[in-house]
Amino acid sequence: MKLLNDWKLIILLCLTLGLAPFFPEPHLWGKLKWIAGGANNMQLMDWFDVIMHGFPFLLLIRLIIIKSIKK
């Protein structure tokens, strides 16, 4: 559980796994645009890909909420 509350690790995951591959655009950003456009022809693998690339950002949001509630 200590790893899930480590700022450095979560930010590193967001910048690497969350945004990889970086060119021509971050992968997660492309998938989110696809979903916003109606998610036409998205397959199960594409949804799994969104979850995998988005998970570090969910951890970051969770950590921000936990730290703000403690104050």
PDB file of N, CA and C in Angstrom:
ATOM      1  N   MET A   1       0.818  -1.198   0.000  1.00  0.00           N
ATOM      2  CA  MET A   1       0.000   0.000   0.000  1.00  0.00           C
ATOM      3  C   MET A   1       0.862   1.263   0.000  1.00  0.00           C
ATOM      4  N   LYS A   2       2.082   1.133   0.532  1.00  0.00           N
ATOM      5  CA  LYS A   2       2.971   2.283   0.570  1.00  0.00           C
ATOM      6  C   LYS A   2       3.300   2.773  -0.844  1.00  0.00           C
ATOM      7  N   LEU A   3       3.416   1.863  -1.800  1.00  0.00           N
ATOM      8  CA  LEU A   3       3.716   2.252  -3.183  1.00  0.00           C
ATOM      9  C   LEU A   3       2.591   3.069  -3.805  1.00  0.00           C
ATOM     10  N   LEU A   4       1.351   2.772  -3.430  1.00  0.00           N
ATOM     11  CA  LEU A   4       0.217   3.492  -3.997  1.00  0.00           C
ATOM     12  C   LEU A   4       0.090   4.905  -3.446  1.00  0.00           C
ATOM     13  N   ASN A   5       0.836   5.221  -2.388  1.00  0.00           N
ATOM     14  CA  ASN A   5       0.794   6.557  -1.801  1.00  0.00           C
ATOM     15  C   ASN A   5       2.107   7.316  -2.008  1.00  0.00           C
ATOM     16  N   ASP A   6       2.939   6.848  -2.912  1.00  0.00           N
ATOM     17  CA  ASP A   6       4.218   7.480  -3.189  1.00  0.00           C
ATOM     18  C   ASP A   6       4.068   8.438  -4.370  1.00  0.00           C
ATOM     19  N   TRP A   7       4.198   9.747  -4.093  1.00  0.00           N
ATOM     20  CA  TRP A   7       4.032  10.772  -5.121  1.00  0.00           C
ATOM     21  C   TRP A   7       4.985  10.565  -6.293  1.00  0.00           C
ATOM     22  N   LYS A   8       6.244  10.298  -5.985  1.00  0.00           N
ATOM     23  CA  LYS A   8       7.250  10.182  -7.033  1.00  0.00           C
ATOM     24  C   LYS A   8       6.935   9.043  -7.996  1.00  0.00           C
ATOM     25  N   LEU A   9       6.549   7.910  -7.454  1.00  0.00           N
ATOM     26  CA  LEU A   9       6.235   6.754  -8.295  1.00  0.00           C
ATOM     27  C   LEU A   9       5.005   7.016  -9.161  1.00  0.00           C
ATOM     28  N   ILE A  10       3.982   7.593  -8.578  1.00  0.00           N
ATOM     29  CA  ILE A  10       2.742   7.828  -9.333  1.00  0.00           C
ATOM     30  C   ILE A  10       2.963   8.856 -10.440  1.00  0.00           C
ATOM     31  N   ILE A  11       3.716   9.897 -10.160  1.00  0.00           N
ATOM     32  CA  ILE A  11       3.999  10.890 -11.204  1.00  0.00           C
ATOM     33  C   ILE A  11       4.859  10.276 -12.305  1.00  0.00           C
ATOM     34  N   LEU A  12       5.811   9.443 -11.922  1.00  0.00           N
ATOM     35  CA  LEU A  12       6.627   8.743 -12.916  1.00  0.00           C
ATOM     36  C   LEU A  12       5.753   7.839 -13.792  1.00  0.00           C
ATOM     37  N   LEU A  13       4.811   7.134 -13.182  1.00  0.00           N
ATOM     38  CA  LEU A  13       3.900   6.285 -13.961  1.00  0.00           C
ATOM     39  C   LEU A  13       3.038   7.117 -14.904  1.00  0.00           C
ATOM     40  N   CYS A  14       2.565   8.262 -14.439  1.00  0.00           N
ATOM     41  CA  CYS A  14       1.742   9.122 -15.295  1.00  0.00           C
ATOM     42  C   CYS A  14       2.531   9.615 -16.501  1.00  0.00           C
ATOM     43  N   LEU A  15       3.779   9.986 -16.267  1.00  0.00           N
ATOM     44  CA  LEU A  15       4.593  10.535 -17.362  1.00  0.00           C
ATOM     45  C   LEU A  15       5.108   9.476 -18.315  1.00  0.00           C
ATOM     46  N   THR A  16       5.212   8.235 -17.863  1.00  0.00           N
ATOM     47  CA  THR A  16       5.726   7.171 -18.733  1.00  0.00           C
ATOM     48  C   THR A  16       4.584   6.321 -19.271  1.00  0.00           C
ATOM     49  N   LEU A  17       4.028   5.464 -18.454  1.00  0.00           N
ATOM     50  CA  LEU A  17       2.961   4.568 -18.905  1.00  0.00           C
ATOM     51  C   LEU A  17       1.711   5.331 -19.330  1.00  0.00           C
ATOM     52  N   GLY A  18       1.384   6.373 -18.602  1.00  0.00           N
ATOM     53  CA  GLY A  18       0.168   7.118 -18.906  1.00  0.00           C
ATOM     54  C   GLY A  18       0.195   7.843 -20.230  1.00  0.00           C
ATOM     55  N   LEU A  19       1.357   8.298 -20.645  1.00  0.00           N
ATOM     56  CA  LEU A  19       1.442   9.091 -21.871  1.00  0.00           C
ATOM     57  C   LEU A  19       2.121   8.378 -23.035  1.00  0.00           C
ATOM     58  N   ALA A  20       2.742   7.236 -22.792  1.00  0.00           N
ATOM     59  CA  ALA A  20       3.472   6.535 -23.853  1.00  0.00           C
ATOM     60  C   ALA A  20       2.528   5.960 -24.889  1.00  0.00           C
ATOM     61  N   PRO A  21       2.850   5.848 -26.123  1.00  0.00           N
ATOM     62  CA  PRO A  21       3.958   6.492 -26.828  1.00  0.00           C
ATOM     63  C   PRO A  21       3.669   7.985 -26.979  1.00  0.00           C
ATOM     64  N   PHE A  22       4.699   8.788 -26.993  1.00  0.00           N
ATOM     65  CA  PHE A  22       4.560  10.238 -26.933  1.00  0.00           C
ATOM     66  C   PHE A  22       4.271  10.891 -28.281  1.00  0.00           C
ATOM     67  N   PHE A  23       4.721  10.280 -29.367  1.00  0.00           N
ATOM     68  CA  PHE A  23       4.567  10.892 -30.686  1.00  0.00           C
ATOM     69  C   PHE A  23       3.730  10.015 -31.578  1.00  0.00           C
ATOM     70  N   PRO A  24       2.840  10.480 -32.379  1.00  0.00           N
ATOM     71  CA  PRO A  24       2.561  11.871 -32.702  1.00  0.00           C
ATOM     72  C   PRO A  24       1.730  12.577 -31.632  1.00  0.00           C
ATOM     73  N   GLU A  25       1.042  11.831 -30.782  1.00  0.00           N
ATOM     74  CA  GLU A  25       0.336  12.402 -29.635  1.00  0.00           C
ATOM     75  C   GLU A  25       0.306  11.332 -28.555  1.00  0.00           C
ATOM     76  N   PRO A  26       0.142  11.741 -27.295  1.00  0.00           N
ATOM     77  CA  PRO A  26       0.058  10.729 -26.233  1.00  0.00           C
ATOM     78  C   PRO A  26      -1.076   9.743 -26.513  1.00  0.00           C
ATOM     79  N   HIS A  27      -0.807   8.490 -26.264  1.00  0.00           N
ATOM     80  CA  HIS A  27      -1.739   7.419 -26.591  1.00  0.00           C
ATOM     81  C   HIS A  27      -3.087   7.597 -25.880  1.00  0.00           C
ATOM     82  N   LEU A  28      -3.029   7.928 -24.613  1.00  0.00           N
ATOM     83  CA  LEU A  28      -4.265   8.107 -23.850  1.00  0.00           C
ATOM     84  C   LEU A  28      -5.092   9.254 -24.415  1.00  0.00           C
ATOM     85  N   TRP A  29      -4.434  10.325 -24.821  1.00  0.00           N
ATOM     86  CA  TRP A  29      -5.149  11.464 -25.393  1.00  0.00           C
ATOM     87  C   TRP A  29      -5.881  11.049 -26.678  1.00  0.00           C
ATOM     88  N   GLY A  30      -5.231  10.261 -27.501  1.00  0.00           N
ATOM     89  CA  GLY A  30      -5.869   9.780 -28.728  1.00  0.00           C
ATOM     90  C   GLY A  30      -7.077   8.903 -28.433  1.00  0.00           C
ATOM     91  N   LYS A  31      -6.958   8.042 -27.427  1.00  0.00           N
ATOM     92  CA  LYS A  31      -8.082   7.173 -27.058  1.00  0.00           C
ATOM     93  C   LYS A  31      -9.234   7.995 -26.481  1.00  0.00           C
ATOM     94  N   LEU A  32      -8.924   9.007 -25.674  1.00  0.00           N
ATOM     95  CA  LEU A  32      -9.983   9.845 -25.108  1.00  0.00           C
ATOM     96  C   LEU A  32     -10.700  10.640 -26.190  1.00  0.00           C
ATOM     97  N   LYS A  33      -9.950  11.095 -27.200  1.00  0.00           N
ATOM     98  CA  LYS A  33     -10.596  11.777 -28.330  1.00  0.00           C
ATOM     99  C   LYS A  33     -11.489  10.813 -29.096  1.00  0.00           C
ATOM    100  N   TRP A  34     -11.052   9.580 -29.224  1.00  0.00           N
ATOM    101  CA  TRP A  34     -11.839   8.555 -29.908  1.00  0.00           C
ATOM    102  C   TRP A  34     -13.143   8.301 -29.147  1.00  0.00           C
ATOM    103  N   ILE A  35     -13.067   8.208 -27.838  1.00  0.00           N
ATOM    104  CA  ILE A  35     -14.257   7.995 -27.011  1.00  0.00           C
ATOM    105  C   ILE A  35     -15.180   9.199 -27.099  1.00  0.00           C
ATOM    106  N   ALA A  36     -14.609  10.409 -27.038  1.00  0.00           N
ATOM    107  CA  ALA A  36     -15.417  11.623 -27.131  1.00  0.00           C
ATOM    108  C   ALA A  36     -16.103  11.740 -28.496  1.00  0.00           C
ATOM    109  N   GLY A  37     -15.491  11.139 -29.508  1.00  0.00           N
ATOM    110  CA  GLY A  37     -16.068  11.160 -30.846  1.00  0.00           C
ATOM    111  C   GLY A  37     -17.121  10.087 -31.068  1.00  0.00           C
ATOM    112  N   GLY A  38     -17.459   9.348 -30.037  1.00  0.00           N
ATOM    113  CA  GLY A  38     -18.518   8.354 -30.151  1.00  0.00           C
ATOM    114  C   GLY A  38     -18.038   6.923 -30.005  1.00  0.00           C
ATOM    115  N   ALA A  39     -16.753   6.713 -29.912  1.00  0.00           N
ATOM    116  CA  ALA A  39     -16.159   5.379 -29.727  1.00  0.00           C
ATOM    117  C   ALA A  39     -16.590   4.398 -30.811  1.00  0.00           C
ATOM    118  N   ASN A  40     -16.695   4.895 -32.036  1.00  0.00           N
ATOM    119  CA  ASN A  40     -17.089   4.032 -33.150  1.00  0.00           C
ATOM    120  C   ASN A  40     -16.003   2.999 -33.432  1.00  0.00           C
ATOM    121  N   ASN A  41     -16.407   1.751 -33.562  1.00  0.00           N
ATOM    122  CA  ASN A  41     -15.538   0.618 -33.878  1.00  0.00           C
ATOM    123  C   ASN A  41     -14.476   0.325 -32.816  1.00  0.00           C
ATOM    124  N   MET A  42     -14.686   0.774 -31.585  1.00  0.00           N
ATOM    125  CA  MET A  42     -13.744   0.425 -30.515  1.00  0.00           C
ATOM    126  C   MET A  42     -13.999  -1.011 -30.099  1.00  0.00           C
ATOM    127  N   GLN A  43     -12.924  -1.760 -29.977  1.00  0.00           N
ATOM    128  CA  GLN A  43     -13.023  -3.150 -29.581  1.00  0.00           C
ATOM    129  C   GLN A  43     -12.622  -3.283 -28.122  1.00  0.00           C
ATOM    130  N   LEU A  44     -12.763  -4.492 -27.580  1.00  0.00           N
ATOM    131  CA  LEU A  44     -12.440  -4.741 -26.180  1.00  0.00           C
ATOM    132  C   LEU A  44     -10.988  -4.381 -25.874  1.00  0.00           C
ATOM    133  N   MET A  45     -10.091  -4.665 -26.780  1.00  0.00           N
ATOM    134  CA  MET A  45      -8.681  -4.355 -26.571  1.00  0.00           C
ATOM    135  C   MET A  45      -8.454  -2.851 -26.446  1.00  0.00           C
ATOM    136  N   ASP A  46      -9.202  -2.059 -27.190  1.00  0.00           N
ATOM    137  CA  ASP A  46      -9.078  -0.601 -27.102  1.00  0.00           C
ATOM    138  C   ASP A  46      -9.539  -0.099 -25.738  1.00  0.00           C
ATOM    139  N   TRP A  47     -10.613  -0.657 -25.222  1.00  0.00           N
ATOM    140  CA  TRP A  47     -11.099  -0.261 -23.897  1.00  0.00           C
ATOM    141  C   TRP A  47     -10.099  -0.675 -22.817  1.00  0.00           C
ATOM    142  N   PHE A  48      -9.529  -1.854 -22.955  1.00  0.00           N
ATOM    143  CA  PHE A  48      -8.508  -2.305 -22.015  1.00  0.00           C
ATOM    144  C   PHE A  48      -7.295  -1.371 -22.059  1.00  0.00           C
ATOM    145  N   ASP A  49      -6.955  -0.920 -23.238  1.00  0.00           N
ATOM    146  CA  ASP A  49      -5.845   0.006 -23.430  1.00  0.00           C
ATOM    147  C   ASP A  49      -6.116   1.339 -22.719  1.00  0.00           C
ATOM    148  N   VAL A  50      -7.334   1.824 -22.797  1.00  0.00           N
ATOM    149  CA  VAL A  50      -7.713   3.062 -22.094  1.00  0.00           C
ATOM    150  C   VAL A  50      -7.547   2.876 -20.590  1.00  0.00           C
ATOM    151  N   ILE A  51      -7.979   1.745 -20.077  1.00  0.00           N
ATOM    152  CA  ILE A  51      -7.864   1.482 -18.641  1.00  0.00           C
ATOM    153  C   ILE A  51      -6.394   1.407 -18.231  1.00  0.00           C
ATOM    154  N   MET A  52      -5.580   0.713 -18.999  1.00  0.00           N
ATOM    155  CA  MET A  52      -4.172   0.559 -18.651  1.00  0.00           C
ATOM    156  C   MET A  52      -3.417   1.896 -18.684  1.00  0.00           C
ATOM    157  N   HIS A  53      -3.677   2.714 -19.688  1.00  0.00           N
ATOM    158  CA  HIS A  53      -2.987   3.996 -19.787  1.00  0.00           C
ATOM    159  C   HIS A  53      -3.583   5.034 -18.844  1.00  0.00           C
ATOM    160  N   GLY A  54      -4.829   4.857 -18.452  1.00  0.00           N
ATOM    161  CA  GLY A  54      -5.485   5.810 -17.564  1.00  0.00           C
ATOM    162  C   GLY A  54      -5.317   5.500 -16.089  1.00  0.00           C
ATOM    163  N   PHE A  55      -4.907   4.280 -15.752  1.00  0.00           N
ATOM    164  CA  PHE A  55      -4.789   3.868 -14.360  1.00  0.00           C
ATOM    165  C   PHE A  55      -3.836   4.743 -13.542  1.00  0.00           C
ATOM    166  N   PRO A  56      -2.661   5.116 -14.066  1.00  0.00           N
ATOM    167  CA  PRO A  56      -1.790   6.002 -13.278  1.00  0.00           C
ATOM    168  C   PRO A  56      -2.454   7.337 -12.939  1.00  0.00           C
ATOM    169  N   PHE A  57      -3.257   7.860 -13.851  1.00  0.00           N
ATOM    170  CA  PHE A  57      -3.943   9.124 -13.584  1.00  0.00           C
ATOM    171  C   PHE A  57      -5.041   8.946 -12.535  1.00  0.00           C
ATOM    172  N   LEU A  58      -5.679   7.783 -12.525  1.00  0.00           N
ATOM    173  CA  LEU A  58      -6.656   7.497 -11.470  1.00  0.00           C
ATOM    174  C   LEU A  58      -5.963   7.415 -10.112  1.00  0.00           C
ATOM    175  N   LEU A  59      -4.783   6.814 -10.079  1.00  0.00           N
ATOM    176  CA  LEU A  59      -4.013   6.769  -8.831  1.00  0.00           C
ATOM    177  C   LEU A  59      -3.625   8.177  -8.380  1.00  0.00           C
ATOM    178  N   LEU A  60      -3.257   9.039  -9.314  1.00  0.00           N
ATOM    179  CA  LEU A  60      -2.893  10.406  -8.985  1.00  0.00           C
ATOM    180  C   LEU A  60      -4.087  11.176  -8.426  1.00  0.00           C
ATOM    181  N   ILE A  61      -5.238  11.024  -9.044  1.00  0.00           N
ATOM    182  CA  ILE A  61      -6.449  11.686  -8.553  1.00  0.00           C
ATOM    183  C   ILE A  61      -6.799  11.171  -7.164  1.00  0.00           C
ATOM    184  N   ARG A  62      -6.680   9.864  -6.964  1.00  0.00           N
ATOM    185  CA  ARG A  62      -6.948   9.258  -5.660  1.00  0.00           C
ATOM    186  C   ARG A  62      -6.021   9.828  -4.596  1.00  0.00           C
ATOM    187  N   LEU A  63      -4.747   9.946  -4.916  1.00  0.00           N
ATOM    188  CA  LEU A  63      -3.767  10.456  -3.960  1.00  0.00           C
ATOM    189  C   LEU A  63      -4.030  11.925  -3.629  1.00  0.00           C
ATOM    190  N   ILE A  64      -4.406  12.710  -4.617  1.00  0.00           N
ATOM    191  CA  ILE A  64      -4.740  14.126  -4.383  1.00  0.00           C
ATOM    192  C   ILE A  64      -5.942  14.239  -3.451  1.00  0.00           C
ATOM    193  N   ILE A  65      -6.946  13.418  -3.675  1.00  0.00           N
ATOM    194  CA  ILE A  65      -8.132  13.442  -2.816  1.00  0.00           C
ATOM    195  C   ILE A  65      -7.781  13.032  -1.396  1.00  0.00           C
ATOM    196  N   ILE A  66      -7.015  11.970  -1.258  1.00  0.00           N
ATOM    197  CA  ILE A  66      -6.620  11.498   0.085  1.00  0.00           C
ATOM    198  C   ILE A  66      -5.838  12.583   0.822  1.00  0.00           C
ATOM    199  N   LYS A  67      -4.864  13.204   0.155  1.00  0.00           N
ATOM    200  CA  LYS A  67      -4.043  14.227   0.795  1.00  0.00           C
ATOM    201  C   LYS A  67      -4.852  15.475   1.133  1.00  0.00           C
ATOM    202  N   SER A  68      -5.833  15.836   0.292  1.00  0.00           N
ATOM    203  CA  SER A  68      -6.627  17.027   0.573  1.00  0.00           C
ATOM    204  C   SER A  68      -7.623  16.795   1.699  1.00  0.00           C
ATOM    205  N   ILE A  69      -8.115  15.571   1.859  1.00  0.00           N
ATOM    206  CA  ILE A  69      -9.040  15.264   2.945  1.00  0.00           C
ATOM    207  C   ILE A  69      -8.316  15.270   4.285  1.00  0.00           C
ATOM    208  N   LYS A  70      -7.063  14.835   4.316  1.00  0.00           N
ATOM    209  CA  LYS A  70      -6.296  14.780   5.562  1.00  0.00           C
ATOM    210  C   LYS A  70      -6.013  16.175   6.121  1.00  0.00           C
ATOM    211  N   LYS A  71      -6.013  17.198   5.270  1.00  0.00           N
ATOM    212  CA  LYS A  71      -5.721  18.557   5.734  1.00  0.00           C
ATOM    213  C   LYS A  71      -6.888  19.143   6.369  1.00  0.00           C
TER     214      LYS A  71
END
